[in-house]
Amino acid sequence: NLVERWNAEEEYNHGYFLPLVTLVFLWQRGAILKTLD
């Protein structure tokens, strides 16, 4: 339903982009997380 609304409603088209942003940001934090117990 979420993807359907991303596709149908212009104000939510950016929804496709945000999961990719989340993955990049998590990847960027990976090196820091490795140094922590």
Full PDB file with SEQRES, HELIX, SHEET, SSBOND, CRYST1, ORIGX, SCALE, CONECT and MASTER records, all heavy atoms in Angstrom:
SEQRES   1 A   37  ASN LEU VAL GLU ARG TRP ASN ALA GLU GLU GLU TYR ASN          
SEQRES   2 A   37  HIS GLY TYR PHE LEU PRO LEU VAL THR LEU VAL PHE LEU          
SEQRES   3 A   37  TRP GLN ARG GLY ALA ILE LEU LYS THR LEU ASP                  
HELIX    1 AA1 LEU A    2  ALA A    8  1                                   7    
HELIX    2 AA2 GLU A   10  TYR A   16  5                                   7    
HELIX    3 AA3 LEU A   18  LYS A   34  1                                  17    
CRYST1    1.000    1.000    1.000  90.00  90.00  90.00 P 1           1          
ORIGX1      1.000000  0.000000  0.000000        0.00000                         
ORIGX2      0.000000  1.000000  0.000000        0.00000                         
ORIGX3      0.000000  0.000000  1.000000        0.00000                         
SCALE1      1.000000  0.000000  0.000000        0.00000                         
SCALE2      0.000000  1.000000  0.000000        0.00000                         
SCALE3      0.000000  0.000000  1.000000        0.00000                         
ATOM      1  N   ASN A   1       0.830  -1.207   0.000  1.00  0.00           N  
ATOM      2  CA  ASN A   1       0.000   0.000   0.000  1.00  0.00           C  
ATOM      3  C   ASN A   1       0.866   1.259   0.000  1.00  0.00           C  
ATOM      4  O   ASN A   1       0.551   2.253  -0.668  1.00  0.00           O  
ATOM      5  CB  ASN A   1      -0.912  -0.005   1.225  1.00  0.00           C  
ATOM      6  CG  ASN A   1      -1.625   1.315   1.440  1.00  0.00           C  
ATOM      7  OD1 ASN A   1      -1.172   2.147   2.226  1.00  0.00           O  
ATOM      8  ND2 ASN A   1      -2.727   1.525   0.755  1.00  0.00           N  
ATOM      9  N   LEU A   2       1.991   1.201   0.722  1.00  0.00           N  
ATOM     10  CA  LEU A   2       2.901   2.340   0.786  1.00  0.00           C  
ATOM     11  C   LEU A   2       3.491   2.637  -0.594  1.00  0.00           C  
ATOM     12  O   LEU A   2       3.490   3.787  -1.052  1.00  0.00           O  
ATOM     13  CB  LEU A   2       4.014   2.034   1.791  1.00  0.00           C  
ATOM     14  CG  LEU A   2       4.938   3.184   2.194  1.00  0.00           C  
ATOM     15  CD1 LEU A   2       4.157   4.308   2.840  1.00  0.00           C  
ATOM     16  CD2 LEU A   2       6.019   2.678   3.138  1.00  0.00           C  
ATOM     17  N   VAL A   3       3.960   1.599  -1.277  1.00  0.00           N  
ATOM     18  CA  VAL A   3       4.532   1.779  -2.618  1.00  0.00           C  
ATOM     19  C   VAL A   3       3.468   2.268  -3.589  1.00  0.00           C  
ATOM     20  O   VAL A   3       3.737   3.107  -4.466  1.00  0.00           O  
ATOM     21  CB  VAL A   3       5.165   0.455  -3.101  1.00  0.00           C  
ATOM     22  CG1 VAL A   3       5.615   0.570  -4.554  1.00  0.00           C  
ATOM     23  CG2 VAL A   3       6.337   0.073  -2.212  1.00  0.00           C  
ATOM     24  N   GLU A   4       2.255   1.769  -3.438  1.00  0.00           N  
ATOM     25  CA  GLU A   4       1.146   2.206  -4.300  1.00  0.00           C  
ATOM     26  C   GLU A   4       0.908   3.707  -4.171  1.00  0.00           C  
ATOM     27  O   GLU A   4       0.704   4.410  -5.174  1.00  0.00           O  
ATOM     28  CB  GLU A   4      -0.119   1.434  -3.916  1.00  0.00           C  
ATOM     29  CG  GLU A   4      -1.341   1.765  -4.753  1.00  0.00           C  
ATOM     30  CD  GLU A   4      -2.578   1.016  -4.281  1.00  0.00           C  
ATOM     31  OE1 GLU A   4      -2.422  -0.123  -3.790  1.00  0.00           O  
ATOM     32  OE2 GLU A   4      -3.683   1.569  -4.406  1.00  0.00           O  
ATOM     33  N   ARG A   5       0.988   4.217  -2.949  1.00  0.00           N  
ATOM     34  CA  ARG A   5       0.785   5.656  -2.745  1.00  0.00           C  
ATOM     35  C   ARG A   5       1.986   6.461  -3.228  1.00  0.00           C  
ATOM     36  O   ARG A   5       1.826   7.576  -3.730  1.00  0.00           O  
ATOM     37  CB  ARG A   5       0.487   5.940  -1.275  1.00  0.00           C  
ATOM     38  CG  ARG A   5      -0.850   5.376  -0.818  1.00  0.00           C  
ATOM     39  CD  ARG A   5      -1.296   5.957   0.495  1.00  0.00           C  
ATOM     40  NE  ARG A   5      -1.535   7.388   0.415  1.00  0.00           N  
ATOM     41  CZ  ARG A   5      -1.891   8.140   1.456  1.00  0.00           C  
ATOM     42  NH1 ARG A   5      -2.031   7.579   2.640  1.00  0.00           N  
ATOM     43  NH2 ARG A   5      -2.089   9.437   1.323  1.00  0.00           N  
ATOM     44  N   TRP A   6       3.198   5.917  -3.084  1.00  0.00           N  
ATOM     45  CA  TRP A   6       4.369   6.590  -3.652  1.00  0.00           C  
ATOM     46  C   TRP A   6       4.188   6.787  -5.150  1.00  0.00           C  
ATOM     47  O   TRP A   6       4.544   7.821  -5.700  1.00  0.00           O  
ATOM     48  CB  TRP A   6       5.627   5.758  -3.428  1.00  0.00           C  
ATOM     49  CG  TRP A   6       6.096   5.669  -2.018  1.00  0.00           C  
ATOM     50  CD1 TRP A   6       5.668   6.397  -0.947  1.00  0.00           C  
ATOM     51  CD2 TRP A   6       7.106   4.791  -1.515  1.00  0.00           C  
ATOM     52  NE1 TRP A   6       6.336   6.029   0.198  1.00  0.00           N  
ATOM     53  CE2 TRP A   6       7.232   5.045  -0.119  1.00  0.00           C  
ATOM     54  CE3 TRP A   6       7.919   3.814  -2.088  1.00  0.00           C  
ATOM     55  CZ2 TRP A   6       8.131   4.355   0.687  1.00  0.00           C  
ATOM     56  CZ3 TRP A   6       8.817   3.120  -1.300  1.00  0.00           C  
ATOM     57  CH2 TRP A   6       8.924   3.388   0.075  1.00  0.00           C  
ATOM     58  N   ASN A   7       3.639   5.773  -5.783  1.00  0.00           N  
ATOM     59  CA  ASN A   7       3.496   5.799  -7.242  1.00  0.00           C  
ATOM     60  C   ASN A   7       2.348   6.693  -7.695  1.00  0.00           C  
ATOM     61  O   ASN A   7       2.440   7.367  -8.724  1.00  0.00           O  
ATOM     62  CB  ASN A   7       3.278   4.372  -7.759  1.00  0.00           C  
ATOM     63  CG  ASN A   7       3.252   4.304  -9.264  1.00  0.00           C  
ATOM     64  OD1 ASN A   7       4.210   4.699  -9.925  1.00  0.00           O  
ATOM     65  ND2 ASN A   7       2.155   3.811  -9.822  1.00  0.00           N  
ATOM     66  N   ALA A   8       1.263   6.726  -6.896  1.00  0.00           N  
ATOM     67  CA  ALA A   8       0.042   7.414  -7.335  1.00  0.00           C  
ATOM     68  C   ALA A   8      -0.001   8.886  -6.939  1.00  0.00           C  
ATOM     69  O   ALA A   8      -0.634   9.694  -7.635  1.00  0.00           O  
ATOM     70  CB  ALA A   8      -1.185   6.687  -6.769  1.00  0.00           C  
ATOM     71  N   GLU A   9       0.645   9.262  -5.843  1.00  0.00           N  
ATOM     72  CA  GLU A   9       0.520  10.620  -5.317  1.00  0.00           C  
ATOM     73  C   GLU A   9       1.859  11.354  -5.421  1.00  0.00           C  
ATOM     74  O   GLU A   9       2.855  10.942  -4.840  1.00  0.00           O  
ATOM     75  CB  GLU A   9       0.027  10.584  -3.869  1.00  0.00           C  
ATOM     76  CG  GLU A   9      -1.326   9.890  -3.730  1.00  0.00           C  
ATOM     77  CD  GLU A   9      -1.779   9.767  -2.294  1.00  0.00           C  
ATOM     78  OE1 GLU A   9      -1.645  10.753  -1.549  1.00  0.00           O  
ATOM     79  OE2 GLU A   9      -2.253   8.675  -1.914  1.00  0.00           O  
ATOM     80  N   GLU A  10       1.833  12.445  -6.159  1.00  0.00           N  
ATOM     81  CA  GLU A  10       3.057  13.168  -6.493  1.00  0.00           C  
ATOM     82  C   GLU A  10       3.831  13.625  -5.264  1.00  0.00           C  
ATOM     83  O   GLU A  10       5.065  13.612  -5.250  1.00  0.00           O  
ATOM     84  CB  GLU A  10       2.694  14.376  -7.368  1.00  0.00           C  
ATOM     85  CG  GLU A  10       3.885  15.118  -7.924  1.00  0.00           C  
ATOM     86  CD  GLU A  10       3.465  16.280  -8.803  1.00  0.00           C  
ATOM     87  OE1 GLU A  10       2.238  16.488  -8.986  1.00  0.00           O  
ATOM     88  OE2 GLU A  10       4.359  16.985  -9.307  1.00  0.00           O  
ATOM     89  N   GLU A  11       3.111  14.027  -4.218  1.00  0.00           N  
ATOM     90  CA  GLU A  11       3.794  14.555  -3.032  1.00  0.00           C  
ATOM     91  C   GLU A  11       4.561  13.487  -2.255  1.00  0.00           C  
ATOM     92  O   GLU A  11       5.326  13.817  -1.343  1.00  0.00           O  
ATOM     93  CB  GLU A  11       2.799  15.245  -2.097  1.00  0.00           C  
ATOM     94  CG  GLU A  11       1.628  14.404  -1.673  1.00  0.00           C  
ATOM     95  CD  GLU A  11       0.413  14.586  -2.578  1.00  0.00           C  
ATOM     96  OE1 GLU A  11       0.599  14.711  -3.795  1.00  0.00           O  
ATOM     97  OE2 GLU A  11      -0.711  14.592  -2.064  1.00  0.00           O  
ATOM     98  N   TYR A  12       4.360  12.202  -2.629  1.00  0.00           N  
ATOM     99  CA  TYR A  12       5.061  11.127  -1.932  1.00  0.00           C  
ATOM    100  C   TYR A  12       5.993  10.344  -2.860  1.00  0.00           C  
ATOM    101  O   TYR A  12       6.486   9.269  -2.479  1.00  0.00           O  
ATOM    102  CB  TYR A  12       4.051  10.182  -1.274  1.00  0.00           C  
ATOM    103  CG  TYR A  12       3.118  10.874  -0.323  1.00  0.00           C  
ATOM    104  CD1 TYR A  12       1.734  10.819  -0.480  1.00  0.00           C  
ATOM    105  CD2 TYR A  12       3.619  11.622   0.740  1.00  0.00           C  
ATOM    106  CE1 TYR A  12       0.881  11.476   0.394  1.00  0.00           C  
ATOM    107  CE2 TYR A  12       2.772  12.284   1.613  1.00  0.00           C  
ATOM    108  CZ  TYR A  12       1.401  12.207   1.436  1.00  0.00           C  
ATOM    109  OH  TYR A  12       0.565  12.869   2.300  1.00  0.00           O  
ATOM    110  N   ASN A  13       6.260  10.846  -4.069  1.00  0.00           N  
ATOM    111  CA  ASN A  13       7.157  10.153  -5.000  1.00  0.00           C  
ATOM    112  C   ASN A  13       8.561   9.975  -4.428  1.00  0.00           C  
ATOM    113  O   ASN A  13       9.289   9.057  -4.815  1.00  0.00           O  
ATOM    114  CB  ASN A  13       7.264  10.924  -6.318  1.00  0.00           C  
ATOM    115  CG  ASN A  13       5.986  10.853  -7.144  1.00  0.00           C  
ATOM    116  OD1 ASN A  13       5.790  11.648  -8.046  1.00  0.00           O  
ATOM    117  ND2 ASN A  13       5.086   9.924  -6.833  1.00  0.00           N  
ATOM    118  N   HIS A  14       8.952  10.876  -3.514  1.00  0.00           N  
ATOM    119  CA  HIS A  14      10.294  10.801  -2.927  1.00  0.00           C  
ATOM    120  C   HIS A  14      10.472   9.575  -2.041  1.00  0.00           C  
ATOM    121  O   HIS A  14      11.592   9.266  -1.622  1.00  0.00           O  
ATOM    122  CB  HIS A  14      10.577  12.059  -2.096  1.00  0.00           C  
ATOM    123  CG  HIS A  14       9.692  12.175  -0.895  1.00  0.00           C  
ATOM    124  ND1 HIS A  14       8.370  12.566  -0.974  1.00  0.00           N  
ATOM    125  CD2 HIS A  14       9.927  11.922   0.421  1.00  0.00           C  
ATOM    126  CE1 HIS A  14       7.844  12.556   0.243  1.00  0.00           C  
ATOM    127  NE2 HIS A  14       8.761  12.174   1.100  1.00  0.00           N  
ATOM    128  N   GLY A  15       9.371   8.877  -1.737  1.00  0.00           N  
ATOM    129  CA  GLY A  15       9.450   7.706  -0.868  1.00  0.00           C  
ATOM    130  C   GLY A  15      10.372   6.626  -1.410  1.00  0.00           C  
ATOM    131  O   GLY A  15      10.997   5.887  -0.635  1.00  0.00           O  
ATOM    132  N   TYR A  16      10.475   6.505  -2.750  1.00  0.00           N  
ATOM    133  CA  TYR A  16      11.367   5.508  -3.344  1.00  0.00           C  
ATOM    134  C   TYR A  16      12.829   5.777  -2.972  1.00  0.00           C  
ATOM    135  O   TYR A  16      13.640   4.858  -2.879  1.00  0.00           O  
ATOM    136  CB  TYR A  16      11.249   5.545  -4.874  1.00  0.00           C  
ATOM    137  CG  TYR A  16       9.953   4.997  -5.412  1.00  0.00           C  
ATOM    138  CD1 TYR A  16       8.962   5.845  -5.911  1.00  0.00           C  
ATOM    139  CD2 TYR A  16       9.718   3.624  -5.448  1.00  0.00           C  
ATOM    140  CE1 TYR A  16       7.779   5.336  -6.424  1.00  0.00           C  
ATOM    141  CE2 TYR A  16       8.538   3.108  -5.959  1.00  0.00           C  
ATOM    142  CZ  TYR A  16       7.568   3.970  -6.441  1.00  0.00           C  
ATOM    143  OH  TYR A  16       6.392   3.469  -6.942  1.00  0.00           O  
ATOM    144  N   PHE A  17      13.160   7.034  -2.770  1.00  0.00           N  
ATOM    145  CA  PHE A  17      14.537   7.458  -2.560  1.00  0.00           C  
ATOM    146  C   PHE A  17      15.018   7.246  -1.122  1.00  0.00           C  
ATOM    147  O   PHE A  17      16.185   6.937  -0.884  1.00  0.00           O  
ATOM    148  CB  PHE A  17      14.631   8.941  -2.949  1.00  0.00           C  
ATOM    149  CG  PHE A  17      15.954   9.583  -2.699  1.00  0.00           C  
ATOM    150  CD1 PHE A  17      17.074   9.206  -3.418  1.00  0.00           C  
ATOM    151  CD2 PHE A  17      16.084  10.590  -1.746  1.00  0.00           C  
ATOM    152  CE1 PHE A  17      18.300   9.808  -3.197  1.00  0.00           C  
ATOM    153  CE2 PHE A  17      17.303  11.198  -1.517  1.00  0.00           C  
ATOM    154  CZ  PHE A  17      18.419  10.802  -2.243  1.00  0.00           C  
ATOM    155  N   LEU A  18      14.118   7.385  -0.159  1.00  0.00           N  
ATOM    156  CA  LEU A  18      14.521   7.399   1.248  1.00  0.00           C  
ATOM    157  C   LEU A  18      15.087   6.075   1.763  1.00  0.00           C  
ATOM    158  O   LEU A  18      16.045   6.088   2.548  1.00  0.00           O  
ATOM    159  CB  LEU A  18      13.353   7.860   2.115  1.00  0.00           C  
ATOM    160  CG  LEU A  18      12.966   9.334   1.925  1.00  0.00           C  
ATOM    161  CD1 LEU A  18      11.806   9.706   2.832  1.00  0.00           C  
ATOM    162  CD2 LEU A  18      14.150  10.251   2.203  1.00  0.00           C  
ATOM    163  N   PRO A  19      14.560   4.891   1.393  1.00  0.00           N  
ATOM    164  CA  PRO A  19      15.204   3.653   1.857  1.00  0.00           C  
ATOM    165  C   PRO A  19      16.665   3.543   1.404  1.00  0.00           C  
ATOM    166  O   PRO A  19      17.507   3.021   2.143  1.00  0.00           O  
ATOM    167  CB  PRO A  19      14.345   2.551   1.233  1.00  0.00           C  
ATOM    168  CG  PRO A  19      12.999   3.179   1.063  1.00  0.00           C  
ATOM    169  CD  PRO A  19      13.285   4.604   0.698  1.00  0.00           C  
ATOM    170  N   LEU A  20      16.965   4.047   0.217  1.00  0.00           N  
ATOM    171  CA  LEU A  20      18.350   4.039  -0.262  1.00  0.00           C  
ATOM    172  C   LEU A  20      19.220   4.955   0.593  1.00  0.00           C  
ATOM    173  O   LEU A  20      20.373   4.626   0.906  1.00  0.00           O  
ATOM    174  CB  LEU A  20      18.397   4.476  -1.729  1.00  0.00           C  
ATOM    175  CG  LEU A  20      17.637   3.583  -2.721  1.00  0.00           C  
ATOM    176  CD1 LEU A  20      17.708   4.168  -4.127  1.00  0.00           C  
ATOM    177  CD2 LEU A  20      18.208   2.169  -2.711  1.00  0.00           C  
ATOM    178  N   VAL A  21      18.671   6.122   0.966  1.00  0.00           N  
ATOM    179  CA  VAL A  21      19.396   7.045   1.840  1.00  0.00           C  
ATOM    180  C   VAL A  21      19.703   6.374   3.174  1.00  0.00           C  
ATOM    181  O   VAL A  21      20.820   6.474   3.708  1.00  0.00           O  
ATOM    182  CB  VAL A  21      18.582   8.337   2.053  1.00  0.00           C  
ATOM    183  CG1 VAL A  21      19.241   9.229   3.101  1.00  0.00           C  
ATOM    184  CG2 VAL A  21      18.433   9.095   0.746  1.00  0.00           C  
ATOM    185  N   THR A  22      18.721   5.675   3.723  1.00  0.00           N  
ATOM    186  CA  THR A  22      18.921   4.968   4.993  1.00  0.00           C  
ATOM    187  C   THR A  22      20.045   3.946   4.889  1.00  0.00           C  
ATOM    188  O   THR A  22      20.915   3.865   5.769  1.00  0.00           O  
ATOM    189  CB  THR A  22      17.607   4.272   5.418  1.00  0.00           C  
ATOM    190  OG1 THR A  22      16.619   5.265   5.705  1.00  0.00           O  
ATOM    191  CG2 THR A  22      17.820   3.411   6.650  1.00  0.00           C  
ATOM    192  N   LEU A  23      20.060   3.168   3.810  1.00  0.00           N  
ATOM    193  CA  LEU A  23      21.107   2.152   3.639  1.00  0.00           C  
ATOM    194  C   LEU A  23      22.493   2.790   3.528  1.00  0.00           C  
ATOM    195  O   LEU A  23      23.461   2.290   4.112  1.00  0.00           O  
ATOM    196  CB  LEU A  23      20.804   1.311   2.389  1.00  0.00           C  
ATOM    197  CG  LEU A  23      19.599   0.373   2.489  1.00  0.00           C  
ATOM    198  CD1 LEU A  23      19.349  -0.310   1.156  1.00  0.00           C  
ATOM    199  CD2 LEU A  23      19.808  -0.664   3.593  1.00  0.00           C  
ATOM    200  N   VAL A  24      22.601   3.896   2.798  1.00  0.00           N  
ATOM    201  CA  VAL A  24      23.887   4.577   2.648  1.00  0.00           C  
ATOM    202  C   VAL A  24      24.366   5.112   3.989  1.00  0.00           C  
ATOM    203  O   VAL A  24      25.543   4.972   4.357  1.00  0.00           O  
ATOM    204  CB  VAL A  24      23.782   5.720   1.613  1.00  0.00           C  
ATOM    205  CG1 VAL A  24      25.050   6.576   1.620  1.00  0.00           C  
ATOM    206  CG2 VAL A  24      23.553   5.158   0.218  1.00  0.00           C  
ATOM    207  N   PHE A  25      23.461   5.713   4.746  1.00  0.00           N  
ATOM    208  CA  PHE A  25      23.844   6.269   6.048  1.00  0.00           C  
ATOM    209  C   PHE A  25      24.272   5.169   7.025  1.00  0.00           C  
ATOM    210  O   PHE A  25      25.204   5.351   7.815  1.00  0.00           O  
ATOM    211  CB  PHE A  25      22.697   7.082   6.638  1.00  0.00           C  
ATOM    212  CG  PHE A  25      22.500   8.419   5.977  1.00  0.00           C  
ATOM    213  CD1 PHE A  25      21.431   9.233   6.339  1.00  0.00           C  
ATOM    214  CD2 PHE A  25      23.355   8.874   4.992  1.00  0.00           C  
ATOM    215  CE1 PHE A  25      21.239  10.467   5.734  1.00  0.00           C  
ATOM    216  CE2 PHE A  25      23.179  10.098   4.385  1.00  0.00           C  
ATOM    217  CZ  PHE A  25      22.117  10.897   4.756  1.00  0.00           C  
ATOM    218  N   LEU A  26      23.585   4.022   6.989  1.00  0.00           N  
ATOM    219  CA  LEU A  26      23.975   2.908   7.860  1.00  0.00           C  
ATOM    220  C   LEU A  26      25.344   2.365   7.456  1.00  0.00           C  
ATOM    221  O   LEU A  26      26.173   2.020   8.307  1.00  0.00           O  
ATOM    222  CB  LEU A  26      22.916   1.804   7.801  1.00  0.00           C  
ATOM    223  CG  LEU A  26      21.555   2.129   8.428  1.00  0.00           C  
ATOM    224  CD1 LEU A  26      20.586   0.986   8.190  1.00  0.00           C  
ATOM    225  CD2 LEU A  26      21.686   2.404   9.923  1.00  0.00           C  
ATOM    226  N   TRP A  27      25.577   2.274   6.158  1.00  0.00           N  
ATOM    227  CA  TRP A  27      26.868   1.818   5.667  1.00  0.00           C  
ATOM    228  C   TRP A  27      27.974   2.780   6.111  1.00  0.00           C  
ATOM    229  O   TRP A  27      29.064   2.363   6.513  1.00  0.00           O  
ATOM    230  CB  TRP A  27      26.804   1.713   4.150  1.00  0.00           C  
ATOM    231  CG  TRP A  27      28.091   1.277   3.496  1.00  0.00           C  
ATOM    232  CD1 TRP A  27      28.965   0.337   3.958  1.00  0.00           C  
ATOM    233  CD2 TRP A  27      28.629   1.787   2.278  1.00  0.00           C  
ATOM    234  NE1 TRP A  27      30.026   0.206   3.084  1.00  0.00           N  
ATOM    235  CE2 TRP A  27      29.849   1.087   2.036  1.00  0.00           C  
ATOM    236  CE3 TRP A  27      28.212   2.724   1.357  1.00  0.00           C  
ATOM    237  CZ2 TRP A  27      30.638   1.328   0.921  1.00  0.00           C  
ATOM    238  CZ3 TRP A  27      28.985   2.960   0.229  1.00  0.00           C  
ATOM    239  CH2 TRP A  27      30.188   2.279   0.029  1.00  0.00           C  
ATOM    240  N   GLN A  28      27.680   4.065   6.052  1.00  0.00           N  
ATOM    241  CA  GLN A  28      28.653   5.078   6.432  1.00  0.00           C  
ATOM    242  C   GLN A  28      29.035   4.963   7.912  1.00  0.00           C  
ATOM    243  O   GLN A  28      30.163   5.255   8.299  1.00  0.00           O  
ATOM    244  CB  GLN A  28      28.085   6.468   6.136  1.00  0.00           C  
ATOM    245  CG  GLN A  28      29.004   7.621   6.498  1.00  0.00           C  
ATOM    246  CD  GLN A  28      28.472   8.447   7.663  1.00  0.00           C  
ATOM    247  OE1 GLN A  28      27.335   8.299   8.069  1.00  0.00           O  
ATOM    248  NE2 GLN A  28      29.317   9.309   8.197  1.00  0.00           N  
ATOM    249  N   ARG A  29      28.095   4.532   8.745  1.00  0.00           N  
ATOM    250  CA  ARG A  29      28.355   4.395  10.179  1.00  0.00           C  
ATOM    251  C   ARG A  29      29.018   3.066  10.537  1.00  0.00           C  
ATOM    252  O   ARG A  29      29.393   2.847  11.697  1.00  0.00           O  
ATOM    253  CB  ARG A  29      27.039   4.517  10.946  1.00  0.00           C  
ATOM    254  CG  ARG A  29      26.454   5.920  10.980  1.00  0.00           C  
ATOM    255  CD  ARG A  29      27.411   6.879  11.629  1.00  0.00           C  
ATOM    256  NE  ARG A  29      26.787   8.169  11.936  1.00  0.00           N  
ATOM    257  CZ  ARG A  29      27.434   9.186  12.493  1.00  0.00           C  
ATOM    258  NH1 ARG A  29      28.714   9.050  12.798  1.00  0.00           N  
ATOM    259  NH2 ARG A  29      26.818  10.317  12.733  1.00  0.00           N  
ATOM    260  N   GLY A  30      29.161   2.184   9.560  1.00  0.00           N  
ATOM    261  CA  GLY A  30      29.689   0.846   9.847  1.00  0.00           C  
ATOM    262  C   GLY A  30      31.057   0.845  10.482  1.00  0.00           C  
ATOM    263  O   GLY A  30      31.321   0.087  11.428  1.00  0.00           O  
ATOM    264  N   ALA A  31      31.977   1.702   9.982  1.00  0.00           N  
ATOM    265  CA  ALA A  31      33.340   1.714  10.511  1.00  0.00           C  
ATOM    266  C   ALA A  31      33.374   2.130  11.982  1.00  0.00           C  
ATOM    267  O   ALA A  31      34.171   1.600  12.767  1.00  0.00           O  
ATOM    268  CB  ALA A  31      34.199   2.669   9.675  1.00  0.00           C  
ATOM    269  N   ILE A  32      32.511   3.066  12.372  1.00  0.00           N  
ATOM    270  CA  ILE A  32      32.457   3.493  13.773  1.00  0.00           C  
ATOM    271  C   ILE A  32      31.923   2.384  14.658  1.00  0.00           C  
ATOM    272  O   ILE A  32      32.439   2.111  15.750  1.00  0.00           O  
ATOM    273  CB  ILE A  32      31.589   4.759  13.921  1.00  0.00           C  
ATOM    274  CG1 ILE A  32      32.220   5.920  13.151  1.00  0.00           C  
ATOM    275  CG2 ILE A  32      31.401   5.133  15.381  1.00  0.00           C  
ATOM    276  CD1 ILE A  32      31.395   7.182  13.165  1.00  0.00           C  
ATOM    277  N   LEU A  33      30.876   1.714  14.186  1.00  0.00           N  
ATOM    278  CA  LEU A  33      30.249   0.666  14.995  1.00  0.00           C  
ATOM    279  C   LEU A  33      31.208  -0.501  15.250  1.00  0.00           C  
ATOM    280  O   LEU A  33      31.112  -1.184  16.272  1.00  0.00           O  
ATOM    281  CB  LEU A  33      28.975   0.178  14.305  1.00  0.00           C  
ATOM    282  CG  LEU A  33      27.843   1.205  14.191  1.00  0.00           C  
ATOM    283  CD1 LEU A  33      26.693   0.649  13.370  1.00  0.00           C  
ATOM    284  CD2 LEU A  33      27.358   1.620  15.574  1.00  0.00           C  
ATOM    285  N   LYS A  34      32.146  -0.713  14.318  1.00  0.00           N  
ATOM    286  CA  LYS A  34      33.095  -1.817  14.500  1.00  0.00           C  
ATOM    287  C   LYS A  34      34.053  -1.586  15.666  1.00  0.00           C  
ATOM    288  O   LYS A  34      34.633  -2.528  16.208  1.00  0.00           O  
ATOM    289  CB  LYS A  34      33.900  -2.019  13.215  1.00  0.00           C  
ATOM    290  CG  LYS A  34      33.092  -2.584  12.056  1.00  0.00           C  
ATOM    291  CD  LYS A  34      33.932  -2.606  10.781  1.00  0.00           C  
ATOM    292  CE  LYS A  34      33.096  -3.043   9.593  1.00  0.00           C  
ATOM    293  NZ  LYS A  34      33.861  -2.974   8.324  1.00  0.00           N  
ATOM    294  N   THR A  35      34.248  -0.336  16.025  1.00  0.00           N  
ATOM    295  CA  THR A  35      35.208  -0.015  17.090  1.00  0.00           C  
ATOM    296  C   THR A  35      34.587  -0.062  18.474  1.00  0.00           C  
ATOM    297  O   THR A  35      35.279   0.164  19.475  1.00  0.00           O  
ATOM    298  CB  THR A  35      35.809   1.384  16.862  1.00  0.00           C  
ATOM    299  OG1 THR A  35      34.767   2.365  16.998  1.00  0.00           O  
ATOM    300  CG2 THR A  35      36.428   1.491  15.486  1.00  0.00           C  
ATOM    301  N   LEU A  36      33.297  -0.329  18.557  1.00  0.00           N  
ATOM    302  CA  LEU A  36      32.595  -0.263  19.833  1.00  0.00           C  
ATOM    303  C   LEU A  36      32.162  -1.653  20.288  1.00  0.00           C  
ATOM    304  O   LEU A  36      31.687  -2.457  19.479  1.00  0.00           O  
ATOM    305  CB  LEU A  36      31.358   0.641  19.722  1.00  0.00           C  
ATOM    306  CG  LEU A  36      31.602   2.081  19.254  1.00  0.00           C  
ATOM    307  CD1 LEU A  36      30.269   2.802  19.074  1.00  0.00           C  
ATOM    308  CD2 LEU A  36      32.464   2.829  20.269  1.00  0.00           C  
ATOM    309  N   ASP A  37      32.312  -1.913  21.569  1.00  0.00           N  
ATOM    310  CA  ASP A  37      31.772  -3.136  22.162  1.00  0.00           C  
ATOM    311  C   ASP A  37      30.351  -2.810  22.596  1.00  0.00           C  
ATOM    312  O   ASP A  37      30.130  -2.166  23.623  1.00  0.00           O  
ATOM    313  CB  ASP A  37      32.620  -3.580  23.345  1.00  0.00           C  
ATOM    314  CG  ASP A  37      32.108  -4.878  23.959  1.00  0.00           C  
ATOM    315  OD1 ASP A  37      31.229  -5.504  23.334  1.00  0.00           O  
ATOM    316  OD2 ASP A  37      32.576  -5.249  25.036  1.00  0.00           O  
TER     317      ASP A  37                                                      
MASTER        0    0    0    3    0    0    0    6  316    1    0    3          
END                                                                             
